[in-house]
Amino acid sequence: MNEEQLDFLKAVDEYKRVNDRPFPALTEILDIALYLGYRKVAPVGEFKLCKGRQTPLREPKADASPQ
């Protein structure tokens, strides 16, 4: 675990303790990340999500042909 990950986990733990929220919602997690100074710097799809996948999964395009 690197230092940024540890800082994030500590911030989440503190948020849960202070707000009596054992399972914060995703919007609350985003608020914590923003509080720590994280900002969007790349358009969606131009960052590495995980070791096995380079771009986010995209929804298949709906067939536009009439039926």
Foldseek 3Di string as FASTA:
>chain_A
DDPVVVVLVVLVVVCCVVVVPPDDDPVVSVVSCVVVPDDDDDDAQCQQDDDPDRHDDDDDDDDPDDD
